[in-house]
Amino acid sequence: MSIDDRDEALEPEDKRLWDRLAQRLARVDPGGVPLGRETAAALDQACPAATVSAGLRSRLDRIFERAFADLAFEQAMQAKRRRPSLGGYLAFLRGQAGLSVSEAAKKYGVDFQLLADLERDGLPPGKIPGRKLAGLVRRLKGSLEQTEALLWTTVRAPRYITAGTRDSLYRKTSGVRRAPEVTTGEQRENPEYGEEREAVARLLQEVRDAWGKG
């Protein structure tokens, strides 16, 4: 699809900018340089540089640092052929900081056993303290976005279970005798799965609230 096919989706200012750049961007410069001098000059004229304050620059640097760490984590998981998890993310960030579990727990004021359980993905979402998790990830230079995505990996209960029936046979003299469970083969949603998802939703909000106050 050409730019003409999308003209109606562009704001007038964007359309004017495109018209000025299209002729130059379509040309392949020697050496594969994507932008020639004429293109750079057109960009300078149409999009003058904005002054970036020291505070904004520092914030952008932190965002870049966290994004770079997230990319490195995903690459590490791919190299190890492991599925990303919250525990794996915490272990990776701790390793990037050059800290052992005990050192990280002491430095960041987190219970050693809690950190160890988190890293081995041993806690269900209802047992994970959101405020402590948010503070730990922030100080380890992780990102809120990656943490939010990985919180869903803490749901371990299977979504569906096979339904069964259990008939009870009664004896007048000896009380209750239960017959073996009979499996019907019918699939139904696991109540534990729904409970864990609800716990993640609450945990997500707790982490977001704590992150905003950090």
C-alpha atoms as a PDB file:
ATOM      1  CA  MET A   1       0.000   0.000   0.000  1.00  0.00           C
ATOM      2  CA  SER A   2       1.365   3.406  -0.999  1.00  0.00           C
ATOM      3  CA  ILE A   3       1.314   6.566   1.080  1.00  0.00           C
ATOM      4  CA  ASP A   4      -1.442   7.871  -1.210  1.00  0.00           C
ATOM      5  CA  ASP A   5      -3.671   5.017  -0.012  1.00  0.00           C
ATOM      6  CA  ARG A   6      -3.214   6.217   3.567  1.00  0.00           C
ATOM      7  CA  ASP A   7      -3.501   9.986   3.014  1.00  0.00           C
ATOM      8  CA  GLU A   8      -6.850  10.161   4.732  1.00  0.00           C
ATOM      9  CA  ALA A   9      -5.300   8.743   7.932  1.00  0.00           C
ATOM     10  CA  LEU A  10      -2.598  11.414   8.151  1.00  0.00           C
ATOM     11  CA  GLU A  11      -2.857  14.769   9.851  1.00  0.00           C
ATOM     12  CA  PRO A  12      -2.136  17.723   7.498  1.00  0.00           C
ATOM     13  CA  GLU A  13       1.194  18.406   9.229  1.00  0.00           C
ATOM     14  CA  ASP A  14       2.237  14.767   8.858  1.00  0.00           C
ATOM     15  CA  LYS A  15       1.212  14.761   5.198  1.00  0.00           C
ATOM     16  CA  ARG A  16       3.322  17.855   4.478  1.00  0.00           C
ATOM     17  CA  LEU A  17       6.297  16.300   6.251  1.00  0.00           C
ATOM     18  CA  TRP A  18       5.911  13.082   4.303  1.00  0.00           C
ATOM     19  CA  ASP A  19       5.679  14.912   1.014  1.00  0.00           C
ATOM     20  CA  ARG A  20       8.969  16.669   1.765  1.00  0.00           C
ATOM     21  CA  LEU A  21      10.746  13.481   2.824  1.00  0.00           C
ATOM     22  CA  ALA A  22       9.362  10.886   0.436  1.00  0.00           C
ATOM     23  CA  GLN A  23      11.421  11.954  -2.574  1.00  0.00           C
ATOM     24  CA  ARG A  24      14.657  11.738  -0.619  1.00  0.00           C
ATOM     25  CA  LEU A  25      13.854   8.627   1.389  1.00  0.00           C
ATOM     26  CA  ALA A  26      13.043   6.746  -1.800  1.00  0.00           C
ATOM     27  CA  ARG A  27      16.602   7.236  -3.055  1.00  0.00           C
ATOM     28  CA  VAL A  28      19.205   4.628  -2.064  1.00  0.00           C
ATOM     29  CA  ASP A  29      22.392   6.453  -1.121  1.00  0.00           C
ATOM     30  CA  PRO A  30      25.803   4.846  -1.714  1.00  0.00           C
ATOM     31  CA  GLY A  31      26.933   2.657   1.150  1.00  0.00           C
ATOM     32  CA  GLY A  32      23.419   2.019   2.374  1.00  0.00           C
ATOM     33  CA  VAL A  33      23.172   5.251   4.395  1.00  0.00           C
ATOM     34  CA  PRO A  34      19.447   5.575   5.212  1.00  0.00           C
ATOM     35  CA  LEU A  35      19.428   9.370   5.511  1.00  0.00           C
ATOM     36  CA  GLY A  36      21.364  11.698   3.242  1.00  0.00           C
ATOM     37  CA  ARG A  37      22.250  15.337   3.901  1.00  0.00           C
ATOM     38  CA  GLU A  38      19.120  16.608   2.168  1.00  0.00           C
ATOM     39  CA  THR A  39      16.921  14.328   4.277  1.00  0.00           C
ATOM     40  CA  ALA A  40      18.640  15.406   7.470  1.00  0.00           C
ATOM     41  CA  ALA A  41      18.233  19.065   6.486  1.00  0.00           C
ATOM     42  CA  ALA A  42      14.518  18.569   5.798  1.00  0.00           C
ATOM     43  CA  LEU A  43      14.100  16.892   9.181  1.00  0.00           C
ATOM     44  CA  ASP A  44      15.923  19.727  10.935  1.00  0.00           C
ATOM     45  CA  GLN A  45      13.670  22.282   9.271  1.00  0.00           C
ATOM     46  CA  ALA A  46      10.384  20.430   9.742  1.00  0.00           C
ATOM     47  CA  CYS A  47      11.168  19.018  13.200  1.00  0.00           C
ATOM     48  CA  PRO A  48      13.365  21.430  15.128  1.00  0.00           C
ATOM     49  CA  ALA A  49      15.228  19.899  18.028  1.00  0.00           C
ATOM     50  CA  ALA A  50      13.633  20.311  21.445  1.00  0.00           C
ATOM     51  CA  THR A  51      15.599  21.148  24.542  1.00  0.00           C
ATOM     52  CA  VAL A  52      15.852  18.175  26.891  1.00  0.00           C
ATOM     53  CA  SER A  53      16.150  19.015  30.555  1.00  0.00           C
ATOM     54  CA  ALA A  54      18.567  17.191  32.823  1.00  0.00           C
ATOM     55  CA  GLY A  55      15.663  15.576  34.663  1.00  0.00           C
ATOM     56  CA  LEU A  56      14.043  14.324  31.465  1.00  0.00           C
ATOM     57  CA  ARG A  57      17.356  13.062  30.140  1.00  0.00           C
ATOM     58  CA  SER A  58      17.919  11.153  33.386  1.00  0.00           C
ATOM     59  CA  ARG A  59      14.449   9.640  33.160  1.00  0.00           C
ATOM     60  CA  LEU A  60      14.981   8.614  29.540  1.00  0.00           C
ATOM     61  CA  ASP A  61      18.314   7.047  30.483  1.00  0.00           C
ATOM     62  CA  ARG A  62      16.600   4.977  33.181  1.00  0.00           C
ATOM     63  CA  ILE A  63      13.904   3.873  30.746  1.00  0.00           C
ATOM     64  CA  PHE A  64      16.577   2.845  28.251  1.00  0.00           C
ATOM     65  CA  GLU A  65      18.510   0.968  30.928  1.00  0.00           C
ATOM     66  CA  ARG A  66      15.434  -0.985  32.006  1.00  0.00           C
ATOM     67  CA  ALA A  67      14.418  -1.708  28.403  1.00  0.00           C
ATOM     68  CA  PHE A  68      17.934  -2.944  27.650  1.00  0.00           C
ATOM     69  CA  ALA A  69      17.791  -5.245  30.693  1.00  0.00           C
ATOM     70  CA  ASP A  70      14.422  -6.621  29.569  1.00  0.00           C
ATOM     71  CA  LEU A  71      15.785  -7.370  26.109  1.00  0.00           C
ATOM     72  CA  ALA A  72      18.831  -9.093  27.599  1.00  0.00           C
ATOM     73  CA  PHE A  73      16.553 -11.176  29.839  1.00  0.00           C
ATOM     74  CA  GLU A  74      14.409 -12.319  26.929  1.00  0.00           C
ATOM     75  CA  GLN A  75      17.508 -13.222  24.925  1.00  0.00           C
ATOM     76  CA  ALA A  76      18.908 -15.172  27.877  1.00  0.00           C
ATOM     77  CA  MET A  77      15.674 -17.149  28.222  1.00  0.00           C
ATOM     78  CA  GLN A  78      15.677 -17.926  24.510  1.00  0.00           C
ATOM     79  CA  ALA A  79      19.296 -19.080  24.657  1.00  0.00           C
ATOM     80  CA  LYS A  80      18.465 -21.393  27.579  1.00  0.00           C
ATOM     81  CA  ARG A  81      15.191 -22.470  25.915  1.00  0.00           C
ATOM     82  CA  ARG A  82      13.313 -21.586  29.069  1.00  0.00           C
ATOM     83  CA  ARG A  83       9.930 -19.946  29.378  1.00  0.00           C
ATOM     84  CA  PRO A  84      10.156 -16.514  31.015  1.00  0.00           C
ATOM     85  CA  SER A  85       8.833 -16.383  34.558  1.00  0.00           C
ATOM     86  CA  LEU A  86       8.754 -13.907  37.404  1.00  0.00           C
ATOM     87  CA  GLY A  87      11.302 -15.952  39.329  1.00  0.00           C
ATOM     88  CA  GLY A  88      13.603 -16.154  36.336  1.00  0.00           C
ATOM     89  CA  TYR A  89      13.369 -12.391  35.887  1.00  0.00           C
ATOM     90  CA  LEU A  90      14.291 -11.681  39.510  1.00  0.00           C
ATOM     91  CA  ALA A  91      17.193 -14.123  39.351  1.00  0.00           C
ATOM     92  CA  PHE A  92      18.418 -12.514  36.131  1.00  0.00           C
ATOM     93  CA  LEU A  93      18.252  -8.987  37.536  1.00  0.00           C
ATOM     94  CA  ARG A  94      20.019 -10.078  40.700  1.00  0.00           C
ATOM     95  CA  GLY A  95      22.728 -11.726  38.623  1.00  0.00           C
ATOM     96  CA  GLN A  96      23.123  -8.548  36.565  1.00  0.00           C
ATOM     97  CA  ALA A  97      23.698  -6.694  39.836  1.00  0.00           C
ATOM     98  CA  GLY A  98      26.353  -9.219  40.828  1.00  0.00           C
ATOM     99  CA  LEU A  99      24.606 -10.223  44.056  1.00  0.00           C
ATOM    100  CA  SER A 100      23.915 -13.558  45.706  1.00  0.00           C
ATOM    101  CA  VAL A 101      20.458 -14.263  47.094  1.00  0.00           C
ATOM    102  CA  SER A 102      21.615 -13.517  50.635  1.00  0.00           C
ATOM    103  CA  GLU A 103      23.399 -10.330  49.552  1.00  0.00           C
ATOM    104  CA  ALA A 104      20.358  -9.072  47.635  1.00  0.00           C
ATOM    105  CA  ALA A 105      18.032  -9.886  50.531  1.00  0.00           C
ATOM    106  CA  LYS A 106      20.233  -7.972  52.958  1.00  0.00           C
ATOM    107  CA  LYS A 107      20.838  -5.024  50.641  1.00  0.00           C
ATOM    108  CA  TYR A 108      17.211  -4.520  49.683  1.00  0.00           C
ATOM    109  CA  GLY A 109      15.616  -5.400  53.014  1.00  0.00           C
ATOM    110  CA  VAL A 110      13.814  -8.518  51.767  1.00  0.00           C
ATOM    111  CA  ASP A 111      13.436 -11.735  53.743  1.00  0.00           C
ATOM    112  CA  PHE A 112      15.918 -14.307  52.434  1.00  0.00           C
ATOM    113  CA  GLN A 113      13.345 -17.099  52.250  1.00  0.00           C
ATOM    114  CA  LEU A 114      10.867 -14.850  50.453  1.00  0.00           C
ATOM    115  CA  LEU A 115      13.414 -13.971  47.773  1.00  0.00           C
ATOM    116  CA  ALA A 116      14.476 -17.609  47.421  1.00  0.00           C
ATOM    117  CA  ASP A 117      10.845 -18.710  47.058  1.00  0.00           C
ATOM    118  CA  LEU A 118      10.152 -15.976  44.501  1.00  0.00           C
ATOM    119  CA  GLU A 119      13.150 -16.931  42.389  1.00  0.00           C
ATOM    120  CA  ARG A 120      12.162 -20.575  42.270  1.00  0.00           C
ATOM    121  CA  ASP A 121       8.574 -19.603  41.345  1.00  0.00           C
ATOM    122  CA  GLY A 122       7.424 -21.291  44.514  1.00  0.00           C
ATOM    123  CA  LEU A 123       4.747 -18.835  45.602  1.00  0.00           C
ATOM    124  CA  PRO A 124       1.164 -18.616  44.331  1.00  0.00           C
ATOM    125  CA  PRO A 125       0.016 -15.077  43.459  1.00  0.00           C
ATOM    126  CA  GLY A 126      -1.994 -14.757  46.655  1.00  0.00           C
ATOM    127  CA  LYS A 127       1.191 -15.197  48.716  1.00  0.00           C
ATOM    128  CA  ILE A 128       3.317 -12.601  46.881  1.00  0.00           C
ATOM    129  CA  PRO A 129       3.614  -9.211  48.651  1.00  0.00           C
ATOM    130  CA  GLY A 130       3.073  -6.606  45.941  1.00  0.00           C
ATOM    131  CA  ARG A 131       4.788  -3.670  47.627  1.00  0.00           C
ATOM    132  CA  LYS A 132       7.929  -5.641  48.425  1.00  0.00           C
ATOM    133  CA  LEU A 133       8.023  -7.060  44.909  1.00  0.00           C
ATOM    134  CA  ALA A 134       7.669  -3.615  43.309  1.00  0.00           C
ATOM    135  CA  GLY A 135      10.426  -2.160  45.484  1.00  0.00           C
ATOM    136  CA  LEU A 136      12.746  -5.077  44.756  1.00  0.00           C
ATOM    137  CA  VAL A 137      12.283  -4.941  40.979  1.00  0.00           C
ATOM    138  CA  ARG A 138      12.756  -1.164  40.910  1.00  0.00           C
ATOM    139  CA  ARG A 139      15.997  -1.341  42.890  1.00  0.00           C
ATOM    140  CA  LEU A 140      17.252  -4.165  40.692  1.00  0.00           C
ATOM    141  CA  LYS A 141      16.569  -1.894  37.696  1.00  0.00           C
ATOM    142  CA  GLY A 142      13.800  -4.014  36.242  1.00  0.00           C
ATOM    143  CA  SER A 143      10.721  -2.635  34.515  1.00  0.00           C
ATOM    144  CA  LEU A 144       7.100  -2.407  35.552  1.00  0.00           C
ATOM    145  CA  GLU A 145       6.003  -3.580  32.093  1.00  0.00           C
ATOM    146  CA  GLN A 146       7.990  -6.814  32.256  1.00  0.00           C
ATOM    147  CA  THR A 147       6.892  -7.433  35.837  1.00  0.00           C
ATOM    148  CA  GLU A 148       3.211  -6.991  34.903  1.00  0.00           C
ATOM    149  CA  ALA A 149       3.533  -9.478  32.054  1.00  0.00           C
ATOM    150  CA  LEU A 150       5.363 -12.055  34.156  1.00  0.00           C
ATOM    151  CA  LEU A 151       2.961 -11.881  37.085  1.00  0.00           C
ATOM    152  CA  TRP A 152       0.548 -13.935  35.005  1.00  0.00           C
ATOM    153  CA  THR A 153       3.071 -16.780  34.929  1.00  0.00           C
ATOM    154  CA  THR A 154       2.449 -17.254  38.655  1.00  0.00           C
ATOM    155  CA  VAL A 155      -0.920 -18.796  37.796  1.00  0.00           C
ATOM    156  CA  ARG A 156      -0.069 -22.485  38.003  1.00  0.00           C
ATOM    157  CA  ALA A 157      -3.438 -24.164  38.427  1.00  0.00           C
ATOM    158  CA  PRO A 158      -4.674 -25.821  35.213  1.00  0.00           C
ATOM    159  CA  ARG A 159      -7.521 -23.962  33.600  1.00  0.00           C
ATOM    160  CA  TYR A 160      -9.638 -27.067  33.040  1.00  0.00           C
ATOM    161  CA  ILE A 161     -10.073 -30.248  35.022  1.00  0.00           C
ATOM    162  CA  THR A 162     -11.850 -33.460  34.170  1.00  0.00           C
ATOM    163  CA  ALA A 163     -15.160 -33.677  35.963  1.00  0.00           C
ATOM    164  CA  GLY A 164     -16.024 -36.816  37.953  1.00  0.00           C
ATOM    165  CA  THR A 165     -18.904 -38.198  39.956  1.00  0.00           C
ATOM    166  CA  ARG A 166     -18.761 -39.863  43.318  1.00  0.00           C
ATOM    167  CA  ASP A 167     -21.690 -42.017  44.437  1.00  0.00           C
ATOM    168  CA  SER A 168     -22.162 -42.844  48.087  1.00  0.00           C
ATOM    169  CA  LEU A 169     -23.471 -46.194  49.243  1.00  0.00           C
ATOM    170  CA  TYR A 170     -24.857 -46.432  52.743  1.00  0.00           C
ATOM    171  CA  ARG A 171     -24.946 -49.295  55.175  1.00  0.00           C
ATOM    172  CA  LYS A 172     -27.393 -49.188  58.008  1.00  0.00           C
ATOM    173  CA  THR A 173     -25.012 -50.881  60.438  1.00  0.00           C
ATOM    174  CA  SER A 174     -21.565 -49.617  59.553  1.00  0.00           C
ATOM    175  CA  GLY A 175     -22.076 -46.035  58.380  1.00  0.00           C
ATOM    176  CA  VAL A 176     -21.026 -44.587  55.028  1.00  0.00           C
ATOM    177  CA  ARG A 177     -19.166 -46.477  52.336  1.00  0.00           C
ATOM    178  CA  ARG A 178     -18.056 -44.486  49.269  1.00  0.00           C
ATOM    179  CA  ALA A 179     -17.800 -46.013  45.846  1.00  0.00           C
ATOM    180  CA  PRO A 180     -14.717 -45.271  43.697  1.00  0.00           C
ATOM    181  CA  GLU A 181     -14.847 -41.988  41.775  1.00  0.00           C
ATOM    182  CA  VAL A 182     -16.202 -42.387  38.270  1.00  0.00           C
ATOM    183  CA  THR A 183     -14.669 -40.068  35.661  1.00  0.00           C
ATOM    184  CA  THR A 184     -17.128 -38.712  33.127  1.00  0.00           C
ATOM    185  CA  GLY A 185     -14.486 -37.182  30.848  1.00  0.00           C
ATOM    186  CA  GLU A 186     -16.273 -33.831  30.856  1.00  0.00           C
ATOM    187  CA  GLN A 187     -13.962 -30.783  31.064  1.00  0.00           C
ATOM    188  CA  ARG A 188     -14.872 -27.899  33.334  1.00  0.00           C
ATOM    189  CA  GLU A 189     -13.029 -24.794  34.491  1.00  0.00           C
ATOM    190  CA  ASN A 190     -10.919 -25.292  37.574  1.00  0.00           C
ATOM    191  CA  PRO A 191     -12.080 -23.045  40.469  1.00  0.00           C
ATOM    192  CA  GLU A 192      -8.456 -22.721  41.627  1.00  0.00           C
ATOM    193  CA  TYR A 193      -7.531 -21.271  38.238  1.00  0.00           C
ATOM    194  CA  GLY A 194     -10.116 -18.514  38.610  1.00  0.00           C
ATOM    195  CA  GLU A 195      -8.996 -17.786  42.155  1.00  0.00           C
ATOM    196  CA  GLU A 196      -5.357 -17.461  41.105  1.00  0.00           C
ATOM    197  CA  ARG A 197      -6.247 -15.119  38.243  1.00  0.00           C
ATOM    198  CA  GLU A 198      -8.232 -12.934  40.631  1.00  0.00           C
ATOM    199  CA  ALA A 199      -5.228 -12.920  42.979  1.00  0.00           C
ATOM    200  CA  VAL A 200      -2.972 -11.798  40.092  1.00  0.00           C
ATOM    201  CA  ALA A 201      -5.365  -8.963  39.242  1.00  0.00           C
ATOM    202  CA  ARG A 202      -5.183  -7.733  42.838  1.00  0.00           C
ATOM    203  CA  LEU A 203      -1.416  -8.168  42.883  1.00  0.00           C
ATOM    204  CA  LEU A 204      -1.051  -6.193  39.651  1.00  0.00           C
ATOM    205  CA  GLN A 205      -2.884  -3.236  41.138  1.00  0.00           C
ATOM    206  CA  GLU A 206      -0.817  -3.422  44.310  1.00  0.00           C
ATOM    207  CA  VAL A 207       2.425  -3.452  42.323  1.00  0.00           C
ATOM    208  CA  ARG A 208       1.300  -0.526  40.143  1.00  0.00           C
ATOM    209  CA  ASP A 209       0.285   1.541  43.157  1.00  0.00           C
ATOM    210  CA  ALA A 210       3.558   0.843  44.946  1.00  0.00           C
ATOM    211  CA  TRP A 211       5.582   1.549  41.788  1.00  0.00           C
ATOM    212  CA  GLY A 212       3.971   4.947  41.374  1.00  0.00           C
ATOM    213  CA  LYS A 213       4.897   5.881  44.930  1.00  0.00           C
ATOM    214  CA  GLY A 214       8.490   4.693  44.599  1.00  0.00           C
END
